[in-house]
All heavy atoms as atom14 arrays in JSON, in Angstrom:
{
  "sequence": "LAEVRTVAVVDKMRGKGVGNAIIEKIVTKAKEIGVARIYCLTFETDFF",
  "atom14_mask": [
    [1, 1, 1, 1, 1, 1, 1, 1, 0, 0, 0, 0, 0, 0],
    [1, 1, 1, 1, 1, 0, 0, 0, 0, 0, 0, 0, 0, 0],
    [1, 1, 1, 1, 1, 1, 1, 1, 1, 0, 0, 0, 0, 0],
    [1, 1, 1, 1, 1, 1, 1, 0, 0, 0, 0, 0, 0, 0],
    [1, 1, 1, 1, 1, 1, 1, 1, 1, 1, 1, 0, 0, 0],
    [1, 1, 1, 1, 1, 1, 1, 0, 0, 0, 0, 0, 0, 0],
    [1, 1, 1, 1, 1, 1, 1, 0, 0, 0, 0, 0, 0, 0],
    [1, 1, 1, 1, 1, 0, 0, 0, 0, 0, 0, 0, 0, 0],
    [1, 1, 1, 1, 1, 1, 1, 0, 0, 0, 0, 0, 0, 0],
    [1, 1, 1, 1, 1, 1, 1, 0, 0, 0, 0, 0, 0, 0],
    [1, 1, 1, 1, 1, 1, 1, 1, 0, 0, 0, 0, 0, 0],
    [1, 1, 1, 1, 1, 1, 1, 1, 1, 0, 0, 0, 0, 0],
    [1, 1, 1, 1, 1, 1, 1, 1, 0, 0, 0, 0, 0, 0],
    [1, 1, 1, 1, 1, 1, 1, 1, 1, 1, 1, 0, 0, 0],
    [1, 1, 1, 1, 0, 0, 0, 0, 0, 0, 0, 0, 0, 0],
    [1, 1, 1, 1, 1, 1, 1, 1, 1, 0, 0, 0, 0, 0],
    [1, 1, 1, 1, 0, 0, 0, 0, 0, 0, 0, 0, 0, 0],
    [1, 1, 1, 1, 1, 1, 1, 0, 0, 0, 0, 0, 0, 0],
    [1, 1, 1, 1, 0, 0, 0, 0, 0, 0, 0, 0, 0, 0],
    [1, 1, 1, 1, 1, 1, 1, 1, 0, 0, 0, 0, 0, 0],
    [1, 1, 1, 1, 1, 0, 0, 0, 0, 0, 0, 0, 0, 0],
    [1, 1, 1, 1, 1, 1, 1, 1, 0, 0, 0, 0, 0, 0],
    [1, 1, 1, 1, 1, 1, 1, 1, 0, 0, 0, 0, 0, 0],
    [1, 1, 1, 1, 1, 1, 1, 1, 1, 0, 0, 0, 0, 0],
    [1, 1, 1, 1, 1, 1, 1, 1, 1, 0, 0, 0, 0, 0],
    [1, 1, 1, 1, 1, 1, 1, 1, 0, 0, 0, 0, 0, 0],
    [1, 1, 1, 1, 1, 1, 1, 0, 0, 0, 0, 0, 0, 0],
    [1, 1, 1, 1, 1, 1, 1, 0, 0, 0, 0, 0, 0, 0],
    [1, 1, 1, 1, 1, 1, 1, 1, 1, 0, 0, 0, 0, 0],
    [1, 1, 1, 1, 1, 0, 0, 0, 0, 0, 0, 0, 0, 0],
    [1, 1, 1, 1, 1, 1, 1, 1, 1, 0, 0, 0, 0, 0],
    [1, 1, 1, 1, 1, 1, 1, 1, 1, 0, 0, 0, 0, 0],
    [1, 1, 1, 1, 1, 1, 1, 1, 0, 0, 0, 0, 0, 0],
    [1, 1, 1, 1, 0, 0, 0, 0, 0, 0, 0, 0, 0, 0],
    [1, 1, 1, 1, 1, 1, 1, 0, 0, 0, 0, 0, 0, 0],
    [1, 1, 1, 1, 1, 0, 0, 0, 0, 0, 0, 0, 0, 0],
    [1, 1, 1, 1, 1, 1, 1, 1, 1, 1, 1, 0, 0, 0],
    [1, 1, 1, 1, 1, 1, 1, 1, 0, 0, 0, 0, 0, 0],
    [1, 1, 1, 1, 1, 1, 1, 1, 1, 1, 1, 1, 0, 0],
    [1, 1, 1, 1, 1, 1, 0, 0, 0, 0, 0, 0, 0, 0],
    [1, 1, 1, 1, 1, 1, 1, 1, 0, 0, 0, 0, 0, 0],
    [1, 1, 1, 1, 1, 1, 1, 0, 0, 0, 0, 0, 0, 0],
    [1, 1, 1, 1, 1, 1, 1, 1, 1, 1, 1, 0, 0, 0],
    [1, 1, 1, 1, 1, 1, 1, 1, 1, 0, 0, 0, 0, 0],
    [1, 1, 1, 1, 1, 1, 1, 0, 0, 0, 0, 0, 0, 0],
    [1, 1, 1, 1, 1, 1, 1, 1, 0, 0, 0, 0, 0, 0],
    [1, 1, 1, 1, 1, 1, 1, 1, 1, 1, 1, 0, 0, 0],
    [1, 1, 1, 1, 1, 1, 1, 1, 1, 1, 1, 0, 0, 0]
  ],
  "atom14_positions": [
    [[90.47, 111.24, 101.29], [89.83, 109.94, 101.12], [90.79, 108.91, 100.53], [91.49, 109.19, 99.55], [88.61, 110.08, 100.19], [87.8, 108.83, 99.92], [87.09, 108.35, 101.19], [86.79, 109.08, 98.8], [0.0, 0.0, 0.0], [0.0, 0.0, 0.0], [0.0, 0.0, 0.0], [0.0, 0.0, 0.0], [0.0, 0.0, 0.0], [0.0, 0.0, 0.0]],
    [[90.81, 107.73, 101.14], [91.63, 106.63, 100.63], [90.82, 105.34, 100.75], [89.86, 105.25, 101.51], [92.93, 106.51, 101.41], [0.0, 0.0, 0.0], [0.0, 0.0, 0.0], [0.0, 0.0, 0.0], [0.0, 0.0, 0.0], [0.0, 0.0, 0.0], [0.0, 0.0, 0.0], [0.0, 0.0, 0.0], [0.0, 0.0, 0.0], [0.0, 0.0, 0.0]],
    [[91.25, 104.35, 99.99], [90.61, 103.04, 100.01], [91.55, 102.03, 100.66], [92.74, 102.01, 100.39], [90.3, 102.58, 98.59], [89.67, 101.2, 98.53], [89.42, 100.7, 97.12], [89.87, 101.33, 96.15], [88.78, 99.64, 96.99], [0.0, 0.0, 0.0], [0.0, 0.0, 0.0], [0.0, 0.0, 0.0], [0.0, 0.0, 0.0], [0.0, 0.0, 0.0]],
    [[90.99, 101.19, 101.5], [91.69, 100.02, 102.01], [91.44, 98.91, 101.0], [90.29, 98.61, 100.69], [91.17, 99.61, 103.4], [91.83, 98.33, 103.86], [91.38, 100.72, 104.4], [0.0, 0.0, 0.0], [0.0, 0.0, 0.0], [0.0, 0.0, 0.0], [0.0, 0.0, 0.0], [0.0, 0.0, 0.0], [0.0, 0.0, 0.0], [0.0, 0.0, 0.0]],
    [[92.53, 98.34, 100.48], [92.42, 97.32, 99.44], [93.19, 96.06, 99.83], [94.16, 96.11, 100.56], [93.05, 97.82, 98.13], [92.34, 98.95, 97.47], [93.03, 99.33, 96.17], [92.24, 100.3, 95.43], [92.6, 100.81, 94.27], [93.76, 100.48, 93.73], [91.82, 101.68, 93.66], [0.0, 0.0, 0.0], [0.0, 0.0, 0.0], [0.0, 0.0, 0.0]],
    [[92.75, 94.96, 99.27], [93.51, 93.71, 99.26], [93.93, 93.27, 100.67], [95.05, 92.84, 100.9], [94.75, 93.84, 98.34], [94.4, 94.57, 97.16], [95.28, 92.48, 97.92], [0.0, 0.0, 0.0], [0.0, 0.0, 0.0], [0.0, 0.0, 0.0], [0.0, 0.0, 0.0], [0.0, 0.0, 0.0], [0.0, 0.0, 0.0], [0.0, 0.0, 0.0]],
    [[93.03, 93.39, 101.64], [93.32, 92.89, 102.98], [93.02, 91.4, 103.0], [91.89, 90.98, 102.73], [92.48, 93.63, 104.05], [92.74, 93.02, 105.43], [92.79, 95.12, 104.04], [0.0, 0.0, 0.0], [0.0, 0.0, 0.0], [0.0, 0.0, 0.0], [0.0, 0.0, 0.0], [0.0, 0.0, 0.0], [0.0, 0.0, 0.0], [0.0, 0.0, 0.0]],
    [[94.05, 90.62, 103.32], [93.89, 89.16, 103.36], [94.96, 88.56, 104.26], [96.05, 89.1, 104.4], [93.99, 88.57, 101.95], [0.0, 0.0, 0.0], [0.0, 0.0, 0.0], [0.0, 0.0, 0.0], [0.0, 0.0, 0.0], [0.0, 0.0, 0.0], [0.0, 0.0, 0.0], [0.0, 0.0, 0.0], [0.0, 0.0, 0.0], [0.0, 0.0, 0.0]],
    [[94.61, 87.43, 104.84], [95.5, 86.71, 105.75], [95.47, 85.23, 105.35], [94.42, 84.72, 104.94], [95.01, 86.89, 107.21], [95.83, 86.07, 108.18], [95.03, 88.36, 107.6], [0.0, 0.0, 0.0], [0.0, 0.0, 0.0], [0.0, 0.0, 0.0], [0.0, 0.0, 0.0], [0.0, 0.0, 0.0], [0.0, 0.0, 0.0], [0.0, 0.0, 0.0]],
    [[96.62, 84.57, 105.47], [96.65, 83.14, 105.16], [95.72, 82.4, 106.12], [95.51, 82.83, 107.26], [98.09, 82.56, 105.22], [98.98, 83.2, 104.18], [98.69, 82.7, 106.61], [0.0, 0.0, 0.0], [0.0, 0.0, 0.0], [0.0, 0.0, 0.0], [0.0, 0.0, 0.0], [0.0, 0.0, 0.0], [0.0, 0.0, 0.0], [0.0, 0.0, 0.0]],
    [[95.16, 81.3, 105.65], [94.14, 80.58, 106.43], [94.6, 80.23, 107.84], [93.85, 80.38, 108.8], [93.7, 79.32, 105.69], [92.74, 79.62, 104.56], [92.15, 80.73, 104.54], [92.58, 78.75, 103.67], [0.0, 0.0, 0.0], [0.0, 0.0, 0.0], [0.0, 0.0, 0.0], [0.0, 0.0, 0.0], [0.0, 0.0, 0.0], [0.0, 0.0, 0.0]],
    [[95.83, 79.77, 107.99], [96.29, 79.34, 109.32], [96.38, 80.48, 110.33], [96.44, 80.24, 111.53], [97.63, 78.61, 109.21], [98.8, 79.52, 108.87], [100.09, 78.73, 108.77], [101.26, 79.66, 108.45], [102.5, 78.93, 108.27], [0.0, 0.0, 0.0], [0.0, 0.0, 0.0], [0.0, 0.0, 0.0], [0.0, 0.0, 0.0], [0.0, 0.0, 0.0]],
    [[96.34, 81.73, 109.86], [96.44, 82.89, 110.75], [95.11, 83.64, 110.9], [95.04, 84.62, 111.64], [97.52, 83.85, 110.25], [98.92, 83.25, 110.25], [99.48, 82.69, 111.87], [99.68, 84.25, 112.72], [0.0, 0.0, 0.0], [0.0, 0.0, 0.0], [0.0, 0.0, 0.0], [0.0, 0.0, 0.0], [0.0, 0.0, 0.0], [0.0, 0.0, 0.0]],
    [[94.08, 83.18, 110.24], [92.78, 83.85, 110.35], [92.26, 83.71, 111.78], [92.41, 82.68, 112.41], [91.78, 83.25, 109.36], [92.07, 83.69, 107.93], [91.1, 83.06, 106.93], [89.73, 83.46, 107.14], [89.14, 84.52, 106.61], [89.83, 85.31, 105.81], [87.88, 84.79, 106.84], [0.0, 0.0, 0.0], [0.0, 0.0, 0.0], [0.0, 0.0, 0.0]],
    [[91.67, 84.78, 112.28], [91.1, 84.77, 113.62], [92.11, 85.01, 114.73], [91.78, 84.89, 115.9], [0.0, 0.0, 0.0], [0.0, 0.0, 0.0], [0.0, 0.0, 0.0], [0.0, 0.0, 0.0], [0.0, 0.0, 0.0], [0.0, 0.0, 0.0], [0.0, 0.0, 0.0], [0.0, 0.0, 0.0], [0.0, 0.0, 0.0], [0.0, 0.0, 0.0]],
    [[93.34, 85.37, 114.37], [94.39, 85.57, 115.37], [94.81, 87.04, 115.5], [95.83, 87.34, 116.09], [95.59, 84.7, 115.05], [95.25, 83.22, 115.11], [96.44, 82.34, 114.87], [95.98, 80.89, 115.0], [97.06, 79.95, 114.84], [0.0, 0.0, 0.0], [0.0, 0.0, 0.0], [0.0, 0.0, 0.0], [0.0, 0.0, 0.0], [0.0, 0.0, 0.0]],
    [[94.02, 87.94, 114.92], [94.3, 89.36, 115.07], [95.23, 89.95, 114.03], [95.53, 91.15, 114.08], [0.0, 0.0, 0.0], [0.0, 0.0, 0.0], [0.0, 0.0, 0.0], [0.0, 0.0, 0.0], [0.0, 0.0, 0.0], [0.0, 0.0, 0.0], [0.0, 0.0, 0.0], [0.0, 0.0, 0.0], [0.0, 0.0, 0.0], [0.0, 0.0, 0.0]],
    [[95.68, 89.15, 113.08], [96.62, 89.64, 112.07], [95.94, 90.67, 111.16], [96.49, 91.73, 110.9], [97.21, 88.47, 111.24], [98.07, 88.99, 110.11], [98.01, 87.55, 112.15], [0.0, 0.0, 0.0], [0.0, 0.0, 0.0], [0.0, 0.0, 0.0], [0.0, 0.0, 0.0], [0.0, 0.0, 0.0], [0.0, 0.0, 0.0], [0.0, 0.0, 0.0]],
    [[94.74, 90.37, 110.7], [94.01, 91.32, 109.87], [93.74, 92.62, 110.59], [93.88, 93.71, 110.02], [0.0, 0.0, 0.0], [0.0, 0.0, 0.0], [0.0, 0.0, 0.0], [0.0, 0.0, 0.0], [0.0, 0.0, 0.0], [0.0, 0.0, 0.0], [0.0, 0.0, 0.0], [0.0, 0.0, 0.0], [0.0, 0.0, 0.0], [0.0, 0.0, 0.0]],
    [[93.38, 92.53, 111.87], [93.15, 93.74, 112.67], [94.42, 94.58, 112.77], [94.37, 95.81, 112.67], [92.68, 93.38, 114.08], [91.36, 92.64, 114.08], [90.54, 92.81, 113.2], [91.17, 91.8, 115.07], [0.0, 0.0, 0.0], [0.0, 0.0, 0.0], [0.0, 0.0, 0.0], [0.0, 0.0, 0.0], [0.0, 0.0, 0.0], [0.0, 0.0, 0.0]],
    [[95.56, 93.92, 112.97], [96.84, 94.64, 113.07], [97.19, 95.32, 111.75], [97.71, 96.45, 111.74], [97.95, 93.68, 113.49], [0.0, 0.0, 0.0], [0.0, 0.0, 0.0], [0.0, 0.0, 0.0], [0.0, 0.0, 0.0], [0.0, 0.0, 0.0], [0.0, 0.0, 0.0], [0.0, 0.0, 0.0], [0.0, 0.0, 0.0], [0.0, 0.0, 0.0]],
    [[96.91, 94.66, 110.65], [97.15, 95.27, 109.33], [96.28, 96.51, 109.16], [96.76, 97.56, 108.74], [96.9, 94.24, 108.21], [98.0, 93.17, 108.23], [96.85, 94.93, 106.84], [97.71, 91.97, 107.34], [0.0, 0.0, 0.0], [0.0, 0.0, 0.0], [0.0, 0.0, 0.0], [0.0, 0.0, 0.0], [0.0, 0.0, 0.0], [0.0, 0.0, 0.0]],
    [[95.0, 96.4, 109.52], [94.09, 97.56, 109.4], [94.59, 98.71, 110.26], [94.61, 99.87, 109.82], [92.65, 97.18, 109.78], [92.04, 96.24, 108.75], [91.77, 98.42, 109.96], [91.79, 96.85, 107.38], [0.0, 0.0, 0.0], [0.0, 0.0, 0.0], [0.0, 0.0, 0.0], [0.0, 0.0, 0.0], [0.0, 0.0, 0.0], [0.0, 0.0, 0.0]],
    [[94.99, 98.44, 111.47], [95.45, 99.53, 112.34], [96.72, 100.19, 111.8], [96.86, 101.41, 111.9], [95.64, 99.04, 113.78], [94.32, 98.86, 114.5], [93.37, 100.04, 114.34], [93.75, 101.2, 114.63], [92.21, 99.83, 113.9], [0.0, 0.0, 0.0], [0.0, 0.0, 0.0], [0.0, 0.0, 0.0], [0.0, 0.0, 0.0], [0.0, 0.0, 0.0]],
    [[97.61, 99.42, 111.2], [98.81, 100.01, 110.58], [98.4, 100.89, 109.39], [98.94, 101.97, 109.18], [99.77, 98.91, 110.13], [101.07, 99.41, 109.62], [101.92, 99.97, 110.75], [103.36, 100.08, 110.34], [104.22, 100.5, 111.43], [0.0, 0.0, 0.0], [0.0, 0.0, 0.0], [0.0, 0.0, 0.0], [0.0, 0.0, 0.0], [0.0, 0.0, 0.0]],
    [[97.43, 100.43, 108.62], [96.93, 101.2, 107.48], [96.26, 102.49, 107.97], [96.46, 103.56, 107.39], [95.97, 100.34, 106.62], [96.78, 99.29, 105.86], [95.14, 101.2, 105.68], [95.94, 98.25, 105.14], [0.0, 0.0, 0.0], [0.0, 0.0, 0.0], [0.0, 0.0, 0.0], [0.0, 0.0, 0.0], [0.0, 0.0, 0.0], [0.0, 0.0, 0.0]],
    [[95.5, 102.41, 109.04], [94.85, 103.59, 109.61], [95.91, 104.6, 110.07], [95.8, 105.8, 109.81], [93.91, 103.21, 110.78], [93.51, 104.42, 111.6], [92.68, 102.49, 110.24], [0.0, 0.0, 0.0], [0.0, 0.0, 0.0], [0.0, 0.0, 0.0], [0.0, 0.0, 0.0], [0.0, 0.0, 0.0], [0.0, 0.0, 0.0], [0.0, 0.0, 0.0]],
    [[96.95, 104.11, 110.74], [98.04, 104.99, 111.19], [98.69, 105.68, 110.0], [98.92, 106.9, 110.03], [99.09, 104.18, 111.97], [98.45, 103.64, 113.13], [100.27, 105.04, 112.38], [0.0, 0.0, 0.0], [0.0, 0.0, 0.0], [0.0, 0.0, 0.0], [0.0, 0.0, 0.0], [0.0, 0.0, 0.0], [0.0, 0.0, 0.0], [0.0, 0.0, 0.0]],
    [[98.96, 104.92, 108.95], [99.57, 105.49, 107.74], [98.64, 106.53, 107.13], [99.09, 107.61, 106.72], [99.86, 104.37, 106.74], [100.55, 104.82, 105.49], [100.85, 103.62, 104.58], [101.57, 104.01, 103.33], [101.85, 102.85, 102.46], [0.0, 0.0, 0.0], [0.0, 0.0, 0.0], [0.0, 0.0, 0.0], [0.0, 0.0, 0.0], [0.0, 0.0, 0.0]],
    [[97.35, 106.24, 107.06], [96.38, 107.19, 106.5], [96.4, 108.5, 107.27], [96.43, 109.58, 106.68], [94.98, 106.57, 106.5], [0.0, 0.0, 0.0], [0.0, 0.0, 0.0], [0.0, 0.0, 0.0], [0.0, 0.0, 0.0], [0.0, 0.0, 0.0], [0.0, 0.0, 0.0], [0.0, 0.0, 0.0], [0.0, 0.0, 0.0], [0.0, 0.0, 0.0]],
    [[96.39, 108.42, 108.59], [96.43, 109.62, 109.42], [97.72, 110.41, 109.19], [97.69, 111.64, 109.1], [96.3, 109.26, 110.89], [94.92, 108.79, 111.29], [94.91, 108.37, 112.76], [93.55, 107.88, 113.18], [93.56, 107.43, 114.6], [0.0, 0.0, 0.0], [0.0, 0.0, 0.0], [0.0, 0.0, 0.0], [0.0, 0.0, 0.0], [0.0, 0.0, 0.0]],
    [[98.84, 109.7, 109.09], [100.13, 110.35, 108.9], [100.2, 111.15, 107.6], [100.85, 112.18, 107.54], [101.26, 109.31, 108.91], [101.55, 108.75, 110.28], [102.53, 107.59, 110.25], [102.92, 107.12, 109.15], [102.92, 107.13, 111.35], [0.0, 0.0, 0.0], [0.0, 0.0, 0.0], [0.0, 0.0, 0.0], [0.0, 0.0, 0.0], [0.0, 0.0, 0.0]],
    [[99.51, 110.67, 106.58], [99.58, 111.38, 105.29], [98.42, 112.35, 105.09], [98.31, 112.98, 104.04], [99.7, 110.4, 104.09], [98.48, 109.49, 103.99], [100.99, 109.61, 104.19], [98.48, 108.62, 102.74], [0.0, 0.0, 0.0], [0.0, 0.0, 0.0], [0.0, 0.0, 0.0], [0.0, 0.0, 0.0], [0.0, 0.0, 0.0], [0.0, 0.0, 0.0]],
    [[97.55, 112.47, 106.09], [96.5, 113.48, 106.05], [95.14, 113.02, 105.57], [94.26, 113.84, 105.32], [0.0, 0.0, 0.0], [0.0, 0.0, 0.0], [0.0, 0.0, 0.0], [0.0, 0.0, 0.0], [0.0, 0.0, 0.0], [0.0, 0.0, 0.0], [0.0, 0.0, 0.0], [0.0, 0.0, 0.0], [0.0, 0.0, 0.0], [0.0, 0.0, 0.0]],
    [[94.92, 111.73, 105.47], [93.63, 111.2, 105.05], [92.68, 111.2, 106.25], [93.07, 110.81, 107.35], [93.79, 109.77, 104.48], [92.44, 109.11, 104.25], [94.59, 109.81, 103.18], [0.0, 0.0, 0.0], [0.0, 0.0, 0.0], [0.0, 0.0, 0.0], [0.0, 0.0, 0.0], [0.0, 0.0, 0.0], [0.0, 0.0, 0.0], [0.0, 0.0, 0.0]],
    [[91.46, 111.65, 106.04], [90.48, 111.74, 107.12], [89.43, 110.64, 107.07], [88.74, 110.39, 108.05], [89.78, 113.1, 107.08], [0.0, 0.0, 0.0], [0.0, 0.0, 0.0], [0.0, 0.0, 0.0], [0.0, 0.0, 0.0], [0.0, 0.0, 0.0], [0.0, 0.0, 0.0], [0.0, 0.0, 0.0], [0.0, 0.0, 0.0], [0.0, 0.0, 0.0]],
    [[89.29, 109.99, 105.9], [88.28, 108.94, 105.74], [88.89, 107.82, 104.92], [89.58, 108.06, 103.92], [87.05, 109.48, 104.99], [86.41, 110.67, 105.65], [85.26, 111.23, 104.84], [85.7, 111.69, 103.53], [84.93, 111.77, 102.45], [83.67, 111.42, 102.51], [85.4, 112.2, 101.3], [0.0, 0.0, 0.0], [0.0, 0.0, 0.0], [0.0, 0.0, 0.0]],
    [[88.6, 106.59, 105.32], [89.0, 105.45, 104.51], [87.77, 104.59, 104.26], [86.9, 104.47, 105.13], [90.14, 104.62, 105.15], [89.8, 104.18, 106.57], [91.45, 105.4, 105.14], [90.85, 103.29, 107.21], [0.0, 0.0, 0.0], [0.0, 0.0, 0.0], [0.0, 0.0, 0.0], [0.0, 0.0, 0.0], [0.0, 0.0, 0.0], [0.0, 0.0, 0.0]],
    [[87.69, 104.01, 103.09], [86.54, 103.19, 102.76], [87.04, 101.87, 102.2], [88.22, 101.69, 101.87], [85.6, 103.9, 101.77], [86.02, 103.71, 100.35], [85.45, 102.71, 99.57], [87.0, 104.5, 99.78], [85.85, 102.51, 98.27], [87.41, 104.3, 98.48], [86.83, 103.3, 97.73], [87.24, 103.1, 96.45], [0.0, 0.0, 0.0], [0.0, 0.0, 0.0]],
    [[86.13, 100.94, 102.08], [86.44, 99.66, 101.44], [85.19, 99.18, 100.71], [84.08, 99.58, 101.02], [86.91, 98.63, 102.46], [85.67, 98.21, 103.7], [0.0, 0.0, 0.0], [0.0, 0.0, 0.0], [0.0, 0.0, 0.0], [0.0, 0.0, 0.0], [0.0, 0.0, 0.0], [0.0, 0.0, 0.0], [0.0, 0.0, 0.0], [0.0, 0.0, 0.0]],
    [[85.42, 98.35, 99.73], [84.37, 97.59, 99.05], [84.64, 96.15, 99.45], [85.69, 95.61, 99.12], [84.46, 97.76, 97.53], [84.26, 99.17, 97.01], [84.61, 99.25, 95.52], [82.83, 99.62, 97.22], [0.0, 0.0, 0.0], [0.0, 0.0, 0.0], [0.0, 0.0, 0.0], [0.0, 0.0, 0.0], [0.0, 0.0, 0.0], [0.0, 0.0, 0.0]],
    [[83.73, 95.53, 100.16], [84.07, 94.25, 100.78], [82.9, 93.28, 100.84], [81.74, 93.68, 100.8], [84.61, 94.48, 102.21], [85.09, 93.25, 102.74], [83.56, 95.09, 103.12], [0.0, 0.0, 0.0], [0.0, 0.0, 0.0], [0.0, 0.0, 0.0], [0.0, 0.0, 0.0], [0.0, 0.0, 0.0], [0.0, 0.0, 0.0], [0.0, 0.0, 0.0]],
    [[83.25, 92.02, 100.95], [82.3, 90.96, 101.27], [82.41, 90.61, 102.75], [81.56, 89.93, 103.3], [82.58, 89.71, 100.44], [82.52, 89.96, 98.96], [83.68, 90.02, 98.21], [81.32, 90.16, 98.31], [83.64, 90.26, 96.85], [81.26, 90.4, 96.95], [82.43, 90.45, 96.22], [0.0, 0.0, 0.0], [0.0, 0.0, 0.0], [0.0, 0.0, 0.0]],
    [[83.47, 91.07, 103.4], [83.78, 90.75, 104.8], [83.29, 91.87, 105.72], [84.07, 92.5, 106.43], [85.28, 90.52, 104.96], [85.83, 89.38, 104.13], [85.37, 88.01, 104.61], [85.13, 87.85, 105.83], [85.25, 87.11, 103.77], [0.0, 0.0, 0.0], [0.0, 0.0, 0.0], [0.0, 0.0, 0.0], [0.0, 0.0, 0.0], [0.0, 0.0, 0.0]],
    [[81.99, 92.09, 105.73], [81.43, 93.22, 106.47], [81.61, 93.09, 107.98], [81.83, 94.1, 108.65], [79.94, 93.42, 106.13], [79.25, 92.19, 106.37], [79.76, 93.83, 104.68], [0.0, 0.0, 0.0], [0.0, 0.0, 0.0], [0.0, 0.0, 0.0], [0.0, 0.0, 0.0], [0.0, 0.0, 0.0], [0.0, 0.0, 0.0], [0.0, 0.0, 0.0]],
    [[81.55, 91.9, 108.51], [81.72, 91.74, 109.96], [83.14, 92.13, 110.37], [83.32, 92.82, 111.38], [81.43, 90.3, 110.39], [79.96, 89.94, 110.28], [79.12, 90.86, 110.22], [79.65, 88.73, 110.24], [0.0, 0.0, 0.0], [0.0, 0.0, 0.0], [0.0, 0.0, 0.0], [0.0, 0.0, 0.0], [0.0, 0.0, 0.0], [0.0, 0.0, 0.0]],
    [[84.13, 91.69, 109.62], [85.52, 92.03, 109.92], [85.72, 93.54, 109.91], [86.27, 94.12, 110.85], [86.47, 91.36, 108.92], [87.87, 91.88, 108.99], [88.74, 91.49, 109.99], [88.34, 92.8, 108.04], [90.03, 91.98, 110.07], [89.62, 93.3, 108.1], [90.48, 92.9, 109.12], [0.0, 0.0, 0.0], [0.0, 0.0, 0.0], [0.0, 0.0, 0.0]],
    [[85.28, 94.2, 108.85], [85.49, 95.64, 108.75], [84.66, 96.4, 109.8], [85.12, 97.41, 110.33], [85.24, 96.14, 107.33], [86.41, 95.87, 106.43], [86.43, 94.78, 105.59], [87.53, 96.7, 106.43], [87.52, 94.51, 104.77], [88.62, 96.45, 105.64], [88.63, 95.35, 104.79], [0.0, 0.0, 0.0], [0.0, 0.0, 0.0], [0.0, 0.0, 0.0]]
  ]
}
């Protein structure tokens, strides 16, 4: 188990897939180190 933390993008890049790319890199890293579940505590439920 790991937590995704502090995901944020500068305003001018919001909605351009940058946040999604960051999440996918984090997911890849989690898999590489053996994590099977990732969670977040968020206000951005639609994004996640």
